[in-house]
Amino acid sequence: MGMNVGLCAVCRSPGAIHSCALCGKLVCPRHFQHGAGVCTQHAGPGPGLPHGVR
């Protein structure tokens, strides 16, 4: 079984490989918080994200 790869639901950039555990949106590594398993829209700003990036 292959990985799903597509456009990030947050920034629309190619290379989205993570799926949010809460909403199921496919997001890129920049918009995914690994520790929480959710997209940045649900987790809020975290370490390594510039101020205002969600």
PDB file of N, CA and C in Angstrom:
ATOM      1  N   MET A   1       0.852  -1.183   0.000  1.00  0.00           N
ATOM      2  CA  MET A   1       0.000   0.000   0.000  1.00  0.00           C
ATOM      3  C   MET A   1       0.893   1.239   0.000  1.00  0.00           C
ATOM      4  N   GLY A   2       0.649   2.200  -0.893  1.00  0.00           N
ATOM      5  CA  GLY A   2       1.454   3.409  -1.003  1.00  0.00           C
ATOM      6  C   GLY A   2       0.931   4.528  -0.119  1.00  0.00           C
ATOM      7  N   MET A   3       1.779   5.548   0.027  1.00  0.00           N
ATOM      8  CA  MET A   3       1.383   6.719   0.813  1.00  0.00           C
ATOM      9  C   MET A   3       0.513   7.641  -0.034  1.00  0.00           C
ATOM     10  N   ASN A   4      -0.428   8.313   0.615  1.00  0.00           N
ATOM     11  CA  ASN A   4      -1.192   9.356  -0.061  1.00  0.00           C
ATOM     12  C   ASN A   4      -0.326  10.597  -0.140  1.00  0.00           C
ATOM     13  N   VAL A   5      -0.211  11.176  -1.307  1.00  0.00           N
ATOM     14  CA  VAL A   5       0.535  12.411  -1.501  1.00  0.00           C
ATOM     15  C   VAL A   5      -0.360  13.336  -2.312  1.00  0.00           C
ATOM     16  N   GLY A   6      -0.470  14.566  -1.858  1.00  0.00           N
ATOM     17  CA  GLY A   6      -1.321  15.510  -2.571  1.00  0.00           C
ATOM     18  C   GLY A   6      -1.018  16.935  -2.183  1.00  0.00           C
ATOM     19  N   LEU A   7      -1.996  17.799  -2.370  1.00  0.00           N
ATOM     20  CA  LEU A   7      -1.862  19.208  -2.012  1.00  0.00           C
ATOM     21  C   LEU A   7      -2.246  19.403  -0.559  1.00  0.00           C
ATOM     22  N   CYS A   8      -1.485  20.225   0.132  1.00  0.00           N
ATOM     23  CA  CYS A   8      -1.762  20.548   1.527  1.00  0.00           C
ATOM     24  C   CYS A   8      -3.080  21.309   1.630  1.00  0.00           C
ATOM     25  N   ALA A   9      -3.937  20.888   2.541  1.00  0.00           N
ATOM     26  CA  ALA A   9      -5.232  21.543   2.736  1.00  0.00           C
ATOM     27  C   ALA A   9      -5.087  22.935   3.349  1.00  0.00           C
ATOM     28  N   VAL A  10      -3.916  23.247   3.908  1.00  0.00           N
ATOM     29  CA  VAL A  10      -3.698  24.556   4.527  1.00  0.00           C
ATOM     30  C   VAL A  10      -3.077  25.545   3.537  1.00  0.00           C
ATOM     31  N   CYS A  11      -1.959  25.151   2.910  1.00  0.00           N
ATOM     32  CA  CYS A  11      -1.230  26.090   2.042  1.00  0.00           C
ATOM     33  C   CYS A  11      -1.286  25.730   0.557  1.00  0.00           C
ATOM     34  N   ARG A  12      -1.896  24.607   0.222  1.00  0.00           N
ATOM     35  CA  ARG A  12      -2.067  24.146  -1.164  1.00  0.00           C
ATOM     36  C   ARG A  12      -0.754  23.805  -1.866  1.00  0.00           C
ATOM     37  N   SER A  13       0.333  23.618  -1.112  1.00  0.00           N
ATOM     38  CA  SER A  13       1.596  23.219  -1.732  1.00  0.00           C
ATOM     39  C   SER A  13       1.590  21.708  -1.959  1.00  0.00           C
ATOM     40  N   PRO A  14       2.337  21.239  -2.964  1.00  0.00           N
ATOM     41  CA  PRO A  14       2.416  19.803  -3.200  1.00  0.00           C
ATOM     42  C   PRO A  14       3.248  19.130  -2.109  1.00  0.00           C
ATOM     43  N   GLY A  15       3.089  17.856  -1.941  1.00  0.00           N
ATOM     44  CA  GLY A  15       3.902  17.119  -0.974  1.00  0.00           C
ATOM     45  C   GLY A  15       3.224  16.867   0.353  1.00  0.00           C
ATOM     46  N   ALA A  16       1.910  17.021   0.413  1.00  0.00           N
ATOM     47  CA  ALA A  16       1.195  16.736   1.649  1.00  0.00           C
ATOM     48  C   ALA A  16       1.184  15.226   1.866  1.00  0.00           C
ATOM     49  N   ILE A  17       1.700  14.776   3.009  1.00  0.00           N
ATOM     50  CA  ILE A  17       1.804  13.339   3.273  1.00  0.00           C
ATOM     51  C   ILE A  17       1.219  12.936   4.624  1.00  0.00           C
ATOM     52  N   HIS A  18       0.757  13.891   5.396  1.00  0.00           N
ATOM     53  CA  HIS A  18       0.238  13.603   6.734  1.00  0.00           C
ATOM     54  C   HIS A  18      -1.267  13.835   6.773  1.00  0.00           C
ATOM     55  N   SER A  19      -1.963  13.014   7.539  1.00  0.00           N
ATOM     56  CA  SER A  19      -3.408  13.150   7.691  1.00  0.00           C
ATOM     57  C   SER A  19      -3.721  13.507   9.143  1.00  0.00           C
ATOM     58  N   CYS A  20      -4.498  14.556   9.347  1.00  0.00           N
ATOM     59  CA  CYS A  20      -4.863  15.018  10.690  1.00  0.00           C
ATOM     60  C   CYS A  20      -5.779  13.992  11.360  1.00  0.00           C
ATOM     61  N   ALA A  21      -5.483  13.662  12.611  1.00  0.00           N
ATOM     62  CA  ALA A  21      -6.289  12.699  13.365  1.00  0.00           C
ATOM     63  C   ALA A  21      -7.669  13.257  13.719  1.00  0.00           C
ATOM     64  N   LEU A  22      -7.827  14.571  13.710  1.00  0.00           N
ATOM     65  CA  LEU A  22      -9.111  15.173  14.085  1.00  0.00           C
ATOM     66  C   LEU A  22     -10.018  15.441  12.889  1.00  0.00           C
ATOM     67  N   CYS A  23      -9.459  16.019  11.824  1.00  0.00           N
ATOM     68  CA  CYS A  23     -10.309  16.397  10.691  1.00  0.00           C
ATOM     69  C   CYS A  23     -10.057  15.558   9.445  1.00  0.00           C
ATOM     70  N   GLY A  24      -8.941  14.823   9.420  1.00  0.00           N
ATOM     71  CA  GLY A  24      -8.637  13.985   8.273  1.00  0.00           C
ATOM     72  C   GLY A  24      -8.017  14.704   7.092  1.00  0.00           C
ATOM     73  N   LYS A  25      -7.787  16.006   7.212  1.00  0.00           N
ATOM     74  CA  LYS A  25      -7.197  16.763   6.104  1.00  0.00           C
ATOM     75  C   LYS A  25      -5.775  16.286   5.841  1.00  0.00           C
ATOM     76  N   LEU A  26      -5.405  16.269   4.569  1.00  0.00           N
ATOM     77  CA  LEU A  26      -4.064  15.936   4.144  1.00  0.00           C
ATOM     78  C   LEU A  26      -3.238  17.217   4.188  1.00  0.00           C
ATOM     79  N   VAL A  27      -2.122  17.193   4.910  1.00  0.00           N
ATOM     80  CA  VAL A  27      -1.296  18.392   5.076  1.00  0.00           C
ATOM     81  C   VAL A  27       0.174  18.076   4.869  1.00  0.00           C
ATOM     82  N   CYS A  28       0.938  19.124   4.562  1.00  0.00           N
ATOM     83  CA  CYS A  28       2.386  18.999   4.370  1.00  0.00           C
ATOM     84  C   CYS A  28       3.082  18.947   5.738  1.00  0.00           C
ATOM     85  N   PRO A  29       4.361  18.561   5.758  1.00  0.00           N
ATOM     86  CA  PRO A  29       5.088  18.491   7.023  1.00  0.00           C
ATOM     87  C   PRO A  29       5.101  19.821   7.797  1.00  0.00           C
ATOM     88  N   ARG A  30       5.086  20.939   7.093  1.00  0.00           N
ATOM     89  CA  ARG A  30       5.100  22.252   7.757  1.00  0.00           C
ATOM     90  C   ARG A  30       3.819  22.483   8.569  1.00  0.00           C
ATOM     91  N   HIS A  31       2.720  21.919   8.129  1.00  0.00           N
ATOM     92  CA  HIS A  31       1.429  22.151   8.781  1.00  0.00           C
ATOM     93  C   HIS A  31       0.921  20.936   9.563  1.00  0.00           C
ATOM     94  N   PHE A  32       1.850  20.097  10.020  1.00  0.00           N
ATOM     95  CA  PHE A  32       1.497  18.919  10.803  1.00  0.00           C
ATOM     96  C   PHE A  32       2.331  18.897  12.063  1.00  0.00           C
ATOM     97  N   GLN A  33       1.694  18.666  13.198  1.00  0.00           N
ATOM     98  CA  GLN A  33       2.429  18.552  14.469  1.00  0.00           C
ATOM     99  C   GLN A  33       2.480  17.082  14.845  1.00  0.00           C
ATOM    100  N   HIS A  34       3.681  16.500  14.679  1.00  0.00           N
ATOM    101  CA  HIS A  34       3.873  15.069  14.880  1.00  0.00           C
ATOM    102  C   HIS A  34       3.508  14.609  16.286  1.00  0.00           C
ATOM    103  N   GLY A  35       3.889  15.353  17.294  1.00  0.00           N
ATOM    104  CA  GLY A  35       3.616  14.952  18.669  1.00  0.00           C
ATOM    105  C   GLY A  35       2.139  14.802  18.970  1.00  0.00           C
ATOM    106  N   ALA A  36       1.330  15.659  18.359  1.00  0.00           N
ATOM    107  CA  ALA A  36      -0.109  15.637  18.600  1.00  0.00           C
ATOM    108  C   ALA A  36      -0.850  14.817  17.540  1.00  0.00           C
ATOM    109  N   GLY A  37      -0.219  14.624  16.375  1.00  0.00           N
ATOM    110  CA  GLY A  37      -0.859  13.883  15.297  1.00  0.00           C
ATOM    111  C   GLY A  37      -1.960  14.650  14.593  1.00  0.00           C
ATOM    112  N   VAL A  38      -1.905  15.979  14.708  1.00  0.00           N
ATOM    113  CA  VAL A  38      -2.957  16.811  14.124  1.00  0.00           C
ATOM    114  C   VAL A  38      -2.353  17.921  13.274  1.00  0.00           C
ATOM    115  N   CYS A  39      -3.193  18.513  12.425  1.00  0.00           N
ATOM    116  CA  CYS A  39      -2.747  19.643  11.617  1.00  0.00           C
ATOM    117  C   CYS A  39      -2.627  20.886  12.500  1.00  0.00           C
ATOM    118  N   THR A  40      -1.897  21.862  12.014  1.00  0.00           N
ATOM    119  CA  THR A  40      -1.672  23.066  12.811  1.00  0.00           C
ATOM    120  C   THR A  40      -2.937  23.887  12.998  1.00  0.00           C
ATOM    121  N   GLN A  41      -3.963  23.664  12.183  1.00  0.00           N
ATOM    122  CA  GLN A  41      -5.229  24.372  12.376  1.00  0.00           C
ATOM    123  C   GLN A  41      -5.916  23.906  13.658  1.00  0.00           C
ATOM    124  N   HIS A  42      -5.655  22.680  14.071  1.00  0.00           N
ATOM    125  CA  HIS A  42      -6.247  22.168  15.301  1.00  0.00           C
ATOM    126  C   HIS A  42      -5.307  22.291  16.498  1.00  0.00           C
ATOM    127  N   ALA A  43      -4.007  22.211  16.266  1.00  0.00           N
ATOM    128  CA  ALA A  43      -3.051  22.241  17.365  1.00  0.00           C
ATOM    129  C   ALA A  43      -2.607  23.652  17.714  1.00  0.00           C
ATOM    130  N   GLY A  44      -2.749  24.587  16.804  1.00  0.00           N
ATOM    131  CA  GLY A  44      -2.266  25.941  17.040  1.00  0.00           C
ATOM    132  C   GLY A  44      -0.774  26.024  16.810  1.00  0.00           C
ATOM    133  N   PRO A  45      -0.205  27.200  16.978  1.00  0.00           N
ATOM    134  CA  PRO A  45       1.231  27.377  16.774  1.00  0.00           C
ATOM    135  C   PRO A  45       2.024  26.524  17.749  1.00  0.00           C
ATOM    136  N   GLY A  46       3.122  26.012  17.285  1.00  0.00           N
ATOM    137  CA  GLY A  46       3.958  25.173  18.137  1.00  0.00           C
ATOM    138  C   GLY A  46       5.424  25.454  17.878  1.00  0.00           C
ATOM    139  N   PRO A  47       6.289  24.679  18.490  1.00  0.00           N
ATOM    140  CA  PRO A  47       7.732  24.873  18.295  1.00  0.00           C
ATOM    141  C   PRO A  47       8.104  24.750  16.823  1.00  0.00           C
ATOM    142  N   GLY A  48       8.915  25.655  16.368  1.00  0.00           N
ATOM    143  CA  GLY A  48       9.402  25.607  15.002  1.00  0.00           C
ATOM    144  C   GLY A  48       8.501  26.296  13.988  1.00  0.00           C
ATOM    145  N   LEU A  49       7.350  26.755  14.412  1.00  0.00           N
ATOM    146  CA  LEU A  49       6.465  27.470  13.481  1.00  0.00           C
ATOM    147  C   LEU A  49       6.617  28.967  13.696  1.00  0.00           C
ATOM    148  N   PRO A  50       6.779  29.721  12.616  1.00  0.00           N
ATOM    149  CA  PRO A  50       6.862  31.175  12.765  1.00  0.00           C
ATOM    150  C   PRO A  50       5.577  31.720  13.367  1.00  0.00           C
ATOM    151  N   HIS A  51       5.665  32.818  14.071  1.00  0.00           N
ATOM    152  CA  HIS A  51       4.502  33.439  14.687  1.00  0.00           C
ATOM    153  C   HIS A  51       3.426  33.678  13.629  1.00  0.00           C
ATOM    154  N   GLY A  52       2.229  33.248  13.912  1.00  0.00           N
ATOM    155  CA  GLY A  52       1.122  33.460  12.999  1.00  0.00           C
ATOM    156  C   GLY A  52       0.868  32.333  12.014  1.00  0.00           C
ATOM    157  N   VAL A  53       1.808  31.379  11.875  1.00  0.00           N
ATOM    158  CA  VAL A  53       1.596  30.262  10.968  1.00  0.00           C
ATOM    159  C   VAL A  53       0.694  29.267  11.649  1.00  0.00           C
ATOM    160  N   ARG A  54      -0.385  28.899  10.965  1.00  0.00           N
ATOM    161  CA  ARG A  54      -1.336  27.925  11.519  1.00  0.00           C
ATOM    162  C   ARG A  54      -1.660  26.923  10.466  1.00  0.00           C
TER     163      ARG A  54
END
